[in-house]
Every structure is written in structure tokens, then in C-alpha cells.
N, C-alpha and C. Protein backbone atom coordinates (compact mmCIF):
# COMPACT_ATOMS: atom_id res chain seq x y z
N UNK A 1 35.01 55.64 -79.62
CA UNK A 1 35.93 54.50 -79.56
C UNK A 1 35.48 53.40 -80.52
N UNK A 2 34.18 53.30 -80.74
CA UNK A 2 33.67 52.26 -81.64
C UNK A 2 34.17 52.48 -83.06
N UNK A 3 34.22 53.74 -83.51
CA UNK A 3 34.69 54.04 -84.86
C UNK A 3 36.14 53.62 -85.04
N UNK A 4 36.96 53.89 -84.03
CA UNK A 4 38.38 53.53 -84.09
C UNK A 4 38.54 52.01 -84.17
N UNK A 5 37.73 51.30 -83.38
CA UNK A 5 37.80 49.83 -83.37
C UNK A 5 37.42 49.27 -84.74
N UNK A 6 36.44 49.89 -85.39
CA UNK A 6 35.98 49.41 -86.69
C UNK A 6 37.10 49.51 -87.73
N UNK A 7 37.88 50.58 -87.67
CA UNK A 7 38.95 50.79 -88.63
C UNK A 7 40.12 49.83 -88.42
N UNK A 8 40.24 49.31 -87.20
CA UNK A 8 41.33 48.38 -86.91
C UNK A 8 41.06 47.03 -87.57
N UNK A 9 42.07 46.44 -88.24
CA UNK A 9 41.93 45.13 -88.88
C UNK A 9 41.47 44.07 -87.90
N UNK A 10 40.76 43.06 -88.41
CA UNK A 10 40.23 42.00 -87.55
C UNK A 10 41.35 41.23 -86.86
N UNK A 11 42.47 41.03 -87.54
CA UNK A 11 43.58 40.28 -86.96
C UNK A 11 44.10 40.96 -85.71
N UNK A 12 44.27 42.29 -85.78
CA UNK A 12 44.75 43.05 -84.62
C UNK A 12 43.74 42.98 -83.49
N UNK A 13 42.45 43.04 -83.84
CA UNK A 13 41.39 42.97 -82.84
C UNK A 13 41.44 41.62 -82.12
N UNK A 14 41.68 40.55 -82.88
CA UNK A 14 41.75 39.21 -82.29
C UNK A 14 42.90 39.14 -81.29
N UNK A 15 44.08 39.64 -81.67
CA UNK A 15 45.24 39.60 -80.78
C UNK A 15 45.00 40.46 -79.53
N UNK A 16 44.41 41.63 -79.73
CA UNK A 16 44.12 42.52 -78.61
C UNK A 16 43.09 41.89 -77.68
N UNK A 17 42.09 41.25 -78.29
CA UNK A 17 41.03 40.61 -77.52
C UNK A 17 41.59 39.46 -76.69
N UNK A 18 42.42 38.64 -77.30
CA UNK A 18 43.01 37.50 -76.61
C UNK A 18 44.01 37.96 -75.56
N UNK A 19 44.58 39.14 -75.76
CA UNK A 19 45.55 39.66 -74.80
C UNK A 19 44.87 40.04 -73.49
N UNK A 20 43.65 40.62 -73.59
CA UNK A 20 42.94 41.06 -72.39
C UNK A 20 41.98 39.99 -71.87
N UNK A 21 41.50 39.14 -72.78
CA UNK A 21 40.52 38.12 -72.39
C UNK A 21 41.10 36.72 -72.60
N UNK A 22 40.43 35.73 -72.05
CA UNK A 22 40.88 34.36 -72.24
C UNK A 22 40.51 33.88 -73.64
N UNK A 23 41.08 32.77 -74.07
CA UNK A 23 40.81 32.27 -75.42
C UNK A 23 39.33 31.94 -75.61
N UNK A 24 38.74 31.25 -74.65
CA UNK A 24 37.33 30.87 -74.75
C UNK A 24 36.45 32.11 -74.79
N UNK A 25 36.75 33.09 -73.93
CA UNK A 25 35.96 34.32 -73.89
C UNK A 25 36.08 35.08 -75.21
N UNK A 26 37.27 35.07 -75.78
CA UNK A 26 37.51 35.77 -77.04
C UNK A 26 36.71 35.12 -78.17
N UNK A 27 36.58 33.79 -78.11
CA UNK A 27 35.88 33.07 -79.17
C UNK A 27 34.36 33.22 -79.04
N UNK A 28 33.84 33.01 -77.83
CA UNK A 28 32.39 33.04 -77.63
C UNK A 28 31.85 34.46 -77.51
N UNK A 29 32.65 35.37 -76.99
CA UNK A 29 32.21 36.76 -76.83
C UNK A 29 33.17 37.68 -77.57
N UNK A 30 33.36 37.39 -78.86
CA UNK A 30 34.33 38.12 -79.67
C UNK A 30 34.02 39.62 -79.70
N UNK A 31 32.81 39.97 -80.12
CA UNK A 31 32.46 41.39 -80.26
C UNK A 31 32.45 42.10 -78.91
N UNK A 32 31.85 41.46 -77.91
CA UNK A 32 31.76 42.07 -76.59
C UNK A 32 33.14 42.33 -76.01
N UNK A 33 34.09 41.45 -76.32
CA UNK A 33 35.43 41.55 -75.77
C UNK A 33 36.13 42.83 -76.22
N UNK A 34 36.17 43.09 -77.54
CA UNK A 34 36.91 44.26 -78.00
C UNK A 34 36.07 45.54 -77.91
N UNK A 35 34.75 45.40 -77.75
CA UNK A 35 33.93 46.60 -77.53
C UNK A 35 34.15 47.14 -76.13
N UNK A 36 34.40 46.23 -75.16
CA UNK A 36 34.68 46.65 -73.79
C UNK A 36 36.10 47.21 -73.72
């Protein structure tokens, strides 16, 4: 799953991260958010 995430553009990752996590969590725990 990590390889797939790496290929995904950062913009899409940000939107996906913010969709599942709160804004503050997405900002402070950016990598942890989309890795989970």
C-alpha cells in the first residue's frame, strides 16, 4: 500500500488525508495520516 501512496500526487493525498482526518491532524501528522 505504501508504494501506491507514493505514486499518488501530493494534492490528492492532502484531500484524502483531510477527508478522513481533521485539518489540524492533517497538518501536524501529514505522513502518519495517509500512511494509516
